[in-house]
């Protein structure tokens, strides 16, 4: 998986969760903060911030697993990078 696809996946998931209608939404500032880290390919900071956002209560319970999973995808892509 390339950096671009990981970044786009993480950004898309964060922005989709922030902007879609429905009950559970990710706060826009949280989504933008995660997007910025994903765009810089700073996997360690992205995962740390995703977990911190969950712990601060910024991420609704229905989205917590998805947000942390998307952040961890950054690490996995780096491990398999040629």
PDB file of N, CA and C in Angstrom:
ATOM      1  N   UNK A   1       0.851  -1.169   0.000  1.00  0.00           N
ATOM      2  CA  UNK A   1       0.000   0.000   0.000  1.00  0.00           C
ATOM      3  C   UNK A   1       0.901   1.238   0.000  1.00  0.00           C
ATOM      4  N   UNK A   2       0.631   2.163  -0.834  1.00  0.00           N
ATOM      5  CA  UNK A   2       1.485   3.345  -0.930  1.00  0.00           C
ATOM      6  C   UNK A   2       1.102   4.387   0.115  1.00  0.00           C
ATOM      7  N   UNK A   3       2.028   5.324   0.363  1.00  0.00           N
ATOM      8  CA  UNK A   3       1.762   6.404   1.315  1.00  0.00           C
ATOM      9  C   UNK A   3       0.547   7.204   0.883  1.00  0.00           C
ATOM     10  N   UNK A   4       0.462   7.424  -0.400  1.00  0.00           N
ATOM     11  CA  UNK A   4      -0.652   8.238  -0.893  1.00  0.00           C
ATOM     12  C   UNK A   4      -1.988   7.578  -0.582  1.00  0.00           C
ATOM     13  N   UNK A   5      -2.088   6.274  -0.823  1.00  0.00           N
ATOM     14  CA  UNK A   5      -3.362   5.611  -0.561  1.00  0.00           C
ATOM     15  C   UNK A   5      -3.669   5.556   0.925  1.00  0.00           C
ATOM     16  N   UNK A   6      -2.645   5.368   1.768  1.00  0.00           N
ATOM     17  CA  UNK A   6      -2.880   5.378   3.217  1.00  0.00           C
ATOM     18  C   UNK A   6      -3.338   6.753   3.659  1.00  0.00           C
ATOM     19  N   UNK A   7      -2.658   7.777   3.184  1.00  0.00           N
ATOM     20  CA  UNK A   7      -3.020   9.141   3.551  1.00  0.00           C
ATOM     21  C   UNK A   7      -4.435   9.466   3.091  1.00  0.00           C
ATOM     22  N   UNK A   8      -4.751   9.105   1.869  1.00  0.00           N
ATOM     23  CA  UNK A   8      -6.086   9.384   1.350  1.00  0.00           C
ATOM     24  C   UNK A   8      -7.147   8.603   2.113  1.00  0.00           C
ATOM     25  N   UNK A   9      -6.841   7.363   2.478  1.00  0.00           N
ATOM     26  CA  UNK A   9      -7.801   6.564   3.230  1.00  0.00           C
ATOM     27  C   UNK A   9      -8.050   7.177   4.593  1.00  0.00           C
ATOM     28  N   UNK A  10      -6.976   7.538   5.290  1.00  0.00           N
ATOM     29  CA  UNK A  10      -7.126   8.133   6.619  1.00  0.00           C
ATOM     30  C   UNK A  10      -7.863   9.465   6.538  1.00  0.00           C
ATOM     31  N   UNK A  11      -7.494  10.274   5.566  1.00  0.00           N
ATOM     32  CA  UNK A  11      -8.137  11.582   5.416  1.00  0.00           C
ATOM     33  C   UNK A  11      -9.600  11.422   5.039  1.00  0.00           C
ATOM     34  N   UNK A  12      -9.869  10.520   4.133  1.00  0.00           N
ATOM     35  CA  UNK A  12     -11.243  10.313   3.694  1.00  0.00           C
ATOM     36  C   UNK A  12     -12.113   9.844   4.843  1.00  0.00           C
ATOM     37  N   UNK A  13     -11.598   8.904   5.621  1.00  0.00           N
ATOM     38  CA  UNK A  13     -12.377   8.382   6.742  1.00  0.00           C
ATOM     39  C   UNK A  13     -12.642   9.473   7.768  1.00  0.00           C
ATOM     40  N   UNK A  14     -11.610  10.252   8.070  1.00  0.00           N
ATOM     41  CA  UNK A  14     -11.774  11.308   9.068  1.00  0.00           C
ATOM     42  C   UNK A  14     -12.746  12.380   8.587  1.00  0.00           C
ATOM     43  N   UNK A  15     -12.589  12.798   7.353  1.00  0.00           N
ATOM     44  CA  UNK A  15     -13.463  13.851   6.837  1.00  0.00           C
ATOM     45  C   UNK A  15     -14.878  13.348   6.602  1.00  0.00           C
ATOM     46  N   UNK A  16     -15.003  12.090   6.194  1.00  0.00           N
ATOM     47  CA  UNK A  16     -16.321  11.511   6.001  1.00  0.00           C
ATOM     48  C   UNK A  16     -17.055  11.468   7.335  1.00  0.00           C
ATOM     49  N   UNK A  17     -16.353  11.042   8.371  1.00  0.00           N
ATOM     50  CA  UNK A  17     -16.973  10.986   9.690  1.00  0.00           C
ATOM     51  C   UNK A  17     -17.316  12.382  10.200  1.00  0.00           C
ATOM     52  N   UNK A  18     -16.522  13.361   9.848  1.00  0.00           N
ATOM     53  CA  UNK A  18     -16.767  14.723  10.319  1.00  0.00           C
ATOM     54  C   UNK A  18     -17.908  15.381   9.566  1.00  0.00           C
ATOM     55  N   UNK A  19     -18.026  15.094   8.283  1.00  0.00           N
ATOM     56  CA  UNK A  19     -18.959  15.853   7.470  1.00  0.00           C
ATOM     57  C   UNK A  19     -20.285  15.206   7.176  1.00  0.00           C
ATOM     58  N   UNK A  20     -20.407  13.923   7.414  1.00  0.00           N
ATOM     59  CA  UNK A  20     -21.650  13.235   7.060  1.00  0.00           C
ATOM     60  C   UNK A  20     -22.741  13.520   8.069  1.00  0.00           C
ATOM     61  N   UNK A  21     -23.954  13.515   7.563  1.00  0.00           N
ATOM     62  CA  UNK A  21     -25.082  13.623   8.458  1.00  0.00           C
ATOM     63  C   UNK A  21     -25.227  12.328   9.240  1.00  0.00           C
ATOM     64  N   UNK A  22     -26.072  12.341  10.203  1.00  0.00           N
ATOM     65  CA  UNK A  22     -26.260  11.145  11.010  1.00  0.00           C
ATOM     66  C   UNK A  22     -25.984  11.455  12.461  1.00  0.00           C
ATOM     67  N   UNK A  23     -26.077  10.431  13.278  1.00  0.00           N
ATOM     68  CA  UNK A  23     -25.955  10.626  14.708  1.00  0.00           C
ATOM     69  C   UNK A  23     -24.551  10.900  15.181  1.00  0.00           C
ATOM     70  N   UNK A  24     -23.595  10.074  14.812  1.00  0.00           N
ATOM     71  CA  UNK A  24     -22.241  10.206  15.334  1.00  0.00           C
ATOM     72  C   UNK A  24     -21.335  10.882  14.325  1.00  0.00           C
ATOM     73  N   UNK A  25     -20.710  11.966  14.785  1.00  0.00           N
ATOM     74  CA  UNK A  25     -19.811  12.722  13.907  1.00  0.00           C
ATOM     75  C   UNK A  25     -18.535  13.040  14.656  1.00  0.00           C
ATOM     76  N   UNK A  26     -17.452  13.018  13.932  1.00  0.00           N
ATOM     77  CA  UNK A  26     -16.164  13.418  14.469  1.00  0.00           C
ATOM     78  C   UNK A  26     -16.093  14.940  14.411  1.00  0.00           C
ATOM     79  N   UNK A  27     -15.688  15.591  15.504  1.00  0.00           N
ATOM     80  CA  UNK A  27     -15.570  17.055  15.454  1.00  0.00           C
ATOM     81  C   UNK A  27     -14.616  17.482  14.328  1.00  0.00           C
ATOM     82  N   UNK A  28     -14.954  18.552  13.671  1.00  0.00           N
ATOM     83  CA  UNK A  28     -14.192  19.010  12.513  1.00  0.00           C
ATOM     84  C   UNK A  28     -12.732  19.291  12.868  1.00  0.00           C
ATOM     85  N   UNK A  29     -12.477  19.946  13.994  1.00  0.00           N
ATOM     86  CA  UNK A  29     -11.094  20.249  14.366  1.00  0.00           C
ATOM     87  C   UNK A  29     -10.288  18.987  14.628  1.00  0.00           C
ATOM     88  N   UNK A  30     -10.912  17.981  15.203  1.00  0.00           N
ATOM     89  CA  UNK A  30     -10.229  16.704  15.419  1.00  0.00           C
ATOM     90  C   UNK A  30      -9.912  16.055  14.079  1.00  0.00           C
ATOM     91  N   UNK A  31     -10.872  16.056  13.181  1.00  0.00           N
ATOM     92  CA  UNK A  31     -10.654  15.469  11.855  1.00  0.00           C
ATOM     93  C   UNK A  31      -9.531  16.190  11.111  1.00  0.00           C
ATOM     94  N   UNK A  32      -9.514  17.505  11.194  1.00  0.00           N
ATOM     95  CA  UNK A  32      -8.468  18.269  10.509  1.00  0.00           C
ATOM     96  C   UNK A  32      -7.095  18.015  11.121  1.00  0.00           C
ATOM     97  N   UNK A  33      -7.039  17.882  12.452  1.00  0.00           N
ATOM     98  CA  UNK A  33      -5.772  17.594  13.127  1.00  0.00           C
ATOM     99  C   UNK A  33      -5.234  16.230  12.677  1.00  0.00           C
ATOM    100  N   UNK A  34      -6.112  15.233  12.601  1.00  0.00           N
ATOM    101  CA  UNK A  34      -5.696  13.904  12.153  1.00  0.00           C
ATOM    102  C   UNK A  34      -5.300  13.921  10.674  1.00  0.00           C
ATOM    103  N   UNK A  35      -6.031  14.674   9.883  1.00  0.00           N
ATOM    104  CA  UNK A  35      -5.713  14.782   8.461  1.00  0.00           C
ATOM    105  C   UNK A  35      -4.326  15.389   8.247  1.00  0.00           C
ATOM    106  N   UNK A  36      -4.011  16.416   9.019  1.00  0.00           N
ATOM    107  CA  UNK A  36      -2.706  17.076   8.890  1.00  0.00           C
ATOM    108  C   UNK A  36      -1.570  16.094   9.191  1.00  0.00           C
ATOM    109  N   UNK A  37      -1.725  15.290  10.227  1.00  0.00           N
ATOM    110  CA  UNK A  37      -0.699  14.305  10.572  1.00  0.00           C
ATOM    111  C   UNK A  37      -0.599  13.216   9.506  1.00  0.00           C
ATOM    112  N   UNK A  38      -1.722  12.794   8.967  1.00  0.00           N
ATOM    113  CA  UNK A  38      -1.707  11.775   7.912  1.00  0.00           C
ATOM    114  C   UNK A  38      -1.030  12.310   6.657  1.00  0.00           C
ATOM    115  N   UNK A  39      -1.280  13.571   6.335  1.00  0.00           N
ATOM    116  CA  UNK A  39      -0.674  14.172   5.145  1.00  0.00           C
ATOM    117  C   UNK A  39       0.841  14.281   5.280  1.00  0.00           C
ATOM    118  N   UNK A  40       1.325  14.453   6.522  1.00  0.00           N
ATOM    119  CA  UNK A  40       2.771  14.534   6.752  1.00  0.00           C
ATOM    120  C   UNK A  40       3.410  13.154   6.892  1.00  0.00           C
ATOM    121  N   UNK A  41       2.582  12.107   6.863  1.00  0.00           N
ATOM    122  CA  UNK A  41       3.058  10.725   7.008  1.00  0.00           C
ATOM    123  C   UNK A  41       3.749  10.514   8.344  1.00  0.00           C
ATOM    124  N   UNK A  42       3.267  11.209   9.357  1.00  0.00           N
ATOM    125  CA  UNK A  42       3.813  11.083  10.708  1.00  0.00           C
ATOM    126  C   UNK A  42       2.977  10.055  11.458  1.00  0.00           C
ATOM    127  N   UNK A  43       3.269   8.778  11.190  1.00  0.00           N
ATOM    128  CA  UNK A  43       2.446   7.685  11.715  1.00  0.00           C
ATOM    129  C   UNK A  43       2.415   7.652  13.233  1.00  0.00           C
ATOM    130  N   UNK A  44       3.563   7.823  13.841  1.00  0.00           N
ATOM    131  CA  UNK A  44       3.617   7.770  15.306  1.00  0.00           C
ATOM    132  C   UNK A  44       2.729   8.850  15.917  1.00  0.00           C
ATOM    133  N   UNK A  45       2.842  10.068  15.417  1.00  0.00           N
ATOM    134  CA  UNK A  45       2.029  11.165  15.939  1.00  0.00           C
ATOM    135  C   UNK A  45       0.551  10.974  15.597  1.00  0.00           C
ATOM    136  N   UNK A  46       0.258  10.412  14.433  1.00  0.00           N
ATOM    137  CA  UNK A  46      -1.124  10.171  14.027  1.00  0.00           C
ATOM    138  C   UNK A  46      -1.798   9.186  14.975  1.00  0.00           C
ATOM    139  N   UNK A  47      -1.122   8.088  15.277  1.00  0.00           N
ATOM    140  CA  UNK A  47      -1.686   7.092  16.183  1.00  0.00           C
ATOM    141  C   UNK A  47      -1.832   7.692  17.583  1.00  0.00           C
ATOM    142  N   UNK A  48      -0.799   8.388  18.039  1.00  0.00           N
ATOM    143  CA  UNK A  48      -0.841   9.009  19.368  1.00  0.00           C
ATOM    144  C   UNK A  48      -2.003   9.989  19.471  1.00  0.00           C
ATOM    145  N   UNK A  49      -2.195  10.809  18.446  1.00  0.00           N
ATOM    146  CA  UNK A  49      -3.267  11.797  18.469  1.00  0.00           C
ATOM    147  C   UNK A  49      -4.639  11.142  18.372  1.00  0.00           C
ATOM    148  N   UNK A  50      -4.763  10.083  17.585  1.00  0.00           N
ATOM    149  CA  UNK A  50      -6.042   9.376  17.473  1.00  0.00           C
ATOM    150  C   UNK A  50      -6.441   8.790  18.830  1.00  0.00           C
ATOM    151  N   UNK A  51      -5.492   8.155  19.503  1.00  0.00           N
ATOM    152  CA  UNK A  51      -5.771   7.577  20.823  1.00  0.00           C
ATOM    153  C   UNK A  51      -6.082   8.683  21.830  1.00  0.00           C
ATOM    154  N   UNK A  52      -5.325   9.780  21.769  1.00  0.00           N
ATOM    155  CA  UNK A  52      -5.565  10.900  22.687  1.00  0.00           C
ATOM    156  C   UNK A  52      -6.950  11.505  22.456  1.00  0.00           C
ATOM    157  N   UNK A  53      -7.361  11.630  21.204  1.00  0.00           N
ATOM    158  CA  UNK A  53      -8.681  12.180  20.893  1.00  0.00           C
ATOM    159  C   UNK A  53      -9.779  11.273  21.447  1.00  0.00           C
ATOM    160  N   UNK A  54      -9.577   9.966  21.336  1.00  0.00           N
ATOM    161  CA  UNK A  54     -10.543   9.017  21.909  1.00  0.00           C
ATOM    162  C   UNK A  54     -10.584   9.189  23.424  1.00  0.00           C
ATOM    163  N   UNK A  55      -9.425   9.260  24.057  1.00  0.00           N
ATOM    164  CA  UNK A  55      -9.358   9.388  25.512  1.00  0.00           C
ATOM    165  C   UNK A  55      -9.935  10.712  26.016  1.00  0.00           C
ATOM    166  N   UNK A  56      -9.823  11.764  25.205  1.00  0.00           N
ATOM    167  CA  UNK A  56     -10.392  13.062  25.585  1.00  0.00           C
ATOM    168  C   UNK A  56     -11.901  13.120  25.371  1.00  0.00           C
ATOM    169  N   UNK A  57     -12.455  12.092  24.746  1.00  0.00           N
ATOM    170  CA  UNK A  57     -13.891  12.059  24.501  1.00  0.00           C
ATOM    171  C   UNK A  57     -14.308  12.819  23.262  1.00  0.00           C
ATOM    172  N   UNK A  58     -13.355  13.147  22.389  1.00  0.00           N
ATOM    173  CA  UNK A  58     -13.670  13.889  21.168  1.00  0.00           C
ATOM    174  C   UNK A  58     -14.267  12.996  20.083  1.00  0.00           C
ATOM    175  N   UNK A  59     -14.039  11.695  20.199  1.00  0.00           N
ATOM    176  CA  UNK A  59     -14.506  10.756  19.184  1.00  0.00           C
ATOM    177  C   UNK A  59     -15.693   9.983  19.754  1.00  0.00           C
ATOM    178  N   UNK A  60     -16.852  10.060  19.092  1.00  0.00           N
ATOM    179  CA  UNK A  60     -18.020   9.327  19.571  1.00  0.00           C
ATOM    180  C   UNK A  60     -17.723   7.819  19.636  1.00  0.00           C
ATOM    181  N   UNK A  61     -18.311   7.117  20.596  1.00  0.00           N
ATOM    182  CA  UNK A  61     -18.047   5.678  20.761  1.00  0.00           C
ATOM    183  C   UNK A  61     -18.218   4.859  19.479  1.00  0.00           C
ATOM    184  N   UNK A  62     -19.183   5.203  18.659  1.00  0.00           N
ATOM    185  CA  UNK A  62     -19.425   4.435  17.434  1.00  0.00           C
ATOM    186  C   UNK A  62     -18.292   4.581  16.415  1.00  0.00           C
ATOM    187  N   UNK A  63     -17.471   5.625  16.540  1.00  0.00           N
ATOM    188  CA  UNK A  63     -16.399   5.876  15.576  1.00  0.00           C
ATOM    189  C   UNK A  63     -15.007   5.558  16.121  1.00  0.00           C
ATOM    190  N   UNK A  64     -14.896   5.284  17.413  1.00  0.00           N
ATOM    191  CA  UNK A  64     -13.588   5.119  18.037  1.00  0.00           C
ATOM    192  C   UNK A  64     -12.748   4.024  17.389  1.00  0.00           C
ATOM    193  N   UNK A  65     -13.321   2.862  17.203  1.00  0.00           N
ATOM    194  CA  UNK A  65     -12.566   1.753  16.620  1.00  0.00           C
ATOM    195  C   UNK A  65     -12.100   2.082  15.205  1.00  0.00           C
ATOM    196  N   UNK A  66     -12.949   2.708  14.416  1.00  0.00           N
ATOM    197  CA  UNK A  66     -12.596   3.039  13.036  1.00  0.00           C
ATOM    198  C   UNK A  66     -11.479   4.078  12.970  1.00  0.00           C
ATOM    199  N   UNK A  67     -11.544   5.094  13.825  1.00  0.00           N
ATOM    200  CA  UNK A  67     -10.536   6.152  13.810  1.00  0.00           C
ATOM    201  C   UNK A  67      -9.171   5.596  14.192  1.00  0.00           C
ATOM    202  N   UNK A  68      -9.112   4.802  15.250  1.00  0.00           N
ATOM    203  CA  UNK A  68      -7.835   4.226  15.682  1.00  0.00           C
ATOM    204  C   UNK A  68      -7.333   3.213  14.658  1.00  0.00           C
ATOM    205  N   UNK A  69      -8.230   2.442  14.084  1.00  0.00           N
ATOM    206  CA  UNK A  69      -7.842   1.475  13.055  1.00  0.00           C
ATOM    207  C   UNK A  69      -7.264   2.171  11.825  1.00  0.00           C
ATOM    208  N   UNK A  70      -7.889   3.251  11.399  1.00  0.00           N
ATOM    209  CA  UNK A  70      -7.382   4.002  10.240  1.00  0.00           C
ATOM    210  C   UNK A  70      -6.013   4.606  10.541  1.00  0.00           C
ATOM    211  N   UNK A  71      -5.820   5.072  11.764  1.00  0.00           N
ATOM    212  CA  UNK A  71      -4.518   5.636  12.139  1.00  0.00           C
ATOM    213  C   UNK A  71      -3.452   4.537  12.142  1.00  0.00           C
ATOM    214  N   UNK A  72      -3.790   3.364  12.648  1.00  0.00           N
ATOM    215  CA  UNK A  72      -2.830   2.257  12.678  1.00  0.00           C
ATOM    216  C   UNK A  72      -2.489   1.750  11.281  1.00  0.00           C
ATOM    217  N   UNK A  73      -3.359   1.966  10.316  1.00  0.00           N
ATOM    218  CA  UNK A  73      -3.080   1.550   8.938  1.00  0.00           C
ATOM    219  C   UNK A  73      -1.837   2.251   8.405  1.00  0.00           C
ATOM    220  N   UNK A  74      -1.567   3.426   8.897  1.00  0.00           N
ATOM    221  CA  UNK A  74      -0.370   4.177   8.505  1.00  0.00           C
ATOM    222  C   UNK A  74       0.882   3.386   8.886  1.00  0.00           C
ATOM    223  N   UNK A  75       0.901   2.838  10.091  1.00  0.00           N
ATOM    224  CA  UNK A  75       2.049   2.037  10.546  1.00  0.00           C
ATOM    225  C   UNK A  75       2.231   0.785   9.710  1.00  0.00           C
ATOM    226  N   UNK A  76       1.134   0.125   9.413  1.00  0.00           N
ATOM    227  CA  UNK A  76       1.222  -1.124   8.654  1.00  0.00           C
ATOM    228  C   UNK A  76       1.767  -0.883   7.258  1.00  0.00           C
ATOM    229  N   UNK A  77       1.352   0.187   6.647  1.00  0.00           N
ATOM    230  CA  UNK A  77       1.838   0.493   5.289  1.00  0.00           C
ATOM    231  C   UNK A  77       3.334   0.742   5.303  1.00  0.00           C
ATOM    232  N   UNK A  78       3.842   1.368   6.342  1.00  0.00           N
ATOM    233  CA  UNK A  78       5.268   1.662   6.425  1.00  0.00           C
ATOM    234  C   UNK A  78       6.076   0.373   6.570  1.00  0.00           C
ATOM    235  N   UNK A  79       5.550  -0.562   7.339  1.00  0.00           N
ATOM    236  CA  UNK A  79       6.248  -1.815   7.577  1.00  0.00           C
ATOM    237  C   UNK A  79       6.432  -2.603   6.269  1.00  0.00           C
ATOM    238  N   UNK A  80       5.463  -2.525   5.367  1.00  0.00           N
ATOM    239  CA  UNK A  80       5.513  -3.293   4.129  1.00  0.00           C
ATOM    240  C   UNK A  80       6.017  -2.478   2.948  1.00  0.00           C
ATOM    241  N   UNK A  81       6.459  -1.288   3.214  1.00  0.00           N
ATOM    242  CA  UNK A  81       6.934  -0.406   2.150  1.00  0.00           C
ATOM    243  C   UNK A  81       8.245  -0.930   1.562  1.00  0.00           C
ATOM    244  N   UNK A  82       8.371  -0.978   0.235  1.00  0.00           N
ATOM    245  CA  UNK A  82       9.608  -1.503  -0.367  1.00  0.00           C
ATOM    246  C   UNK A  82      10.790  -0.574  -0.181  1.00  0.00           C
TER     247      UNK A  82
END
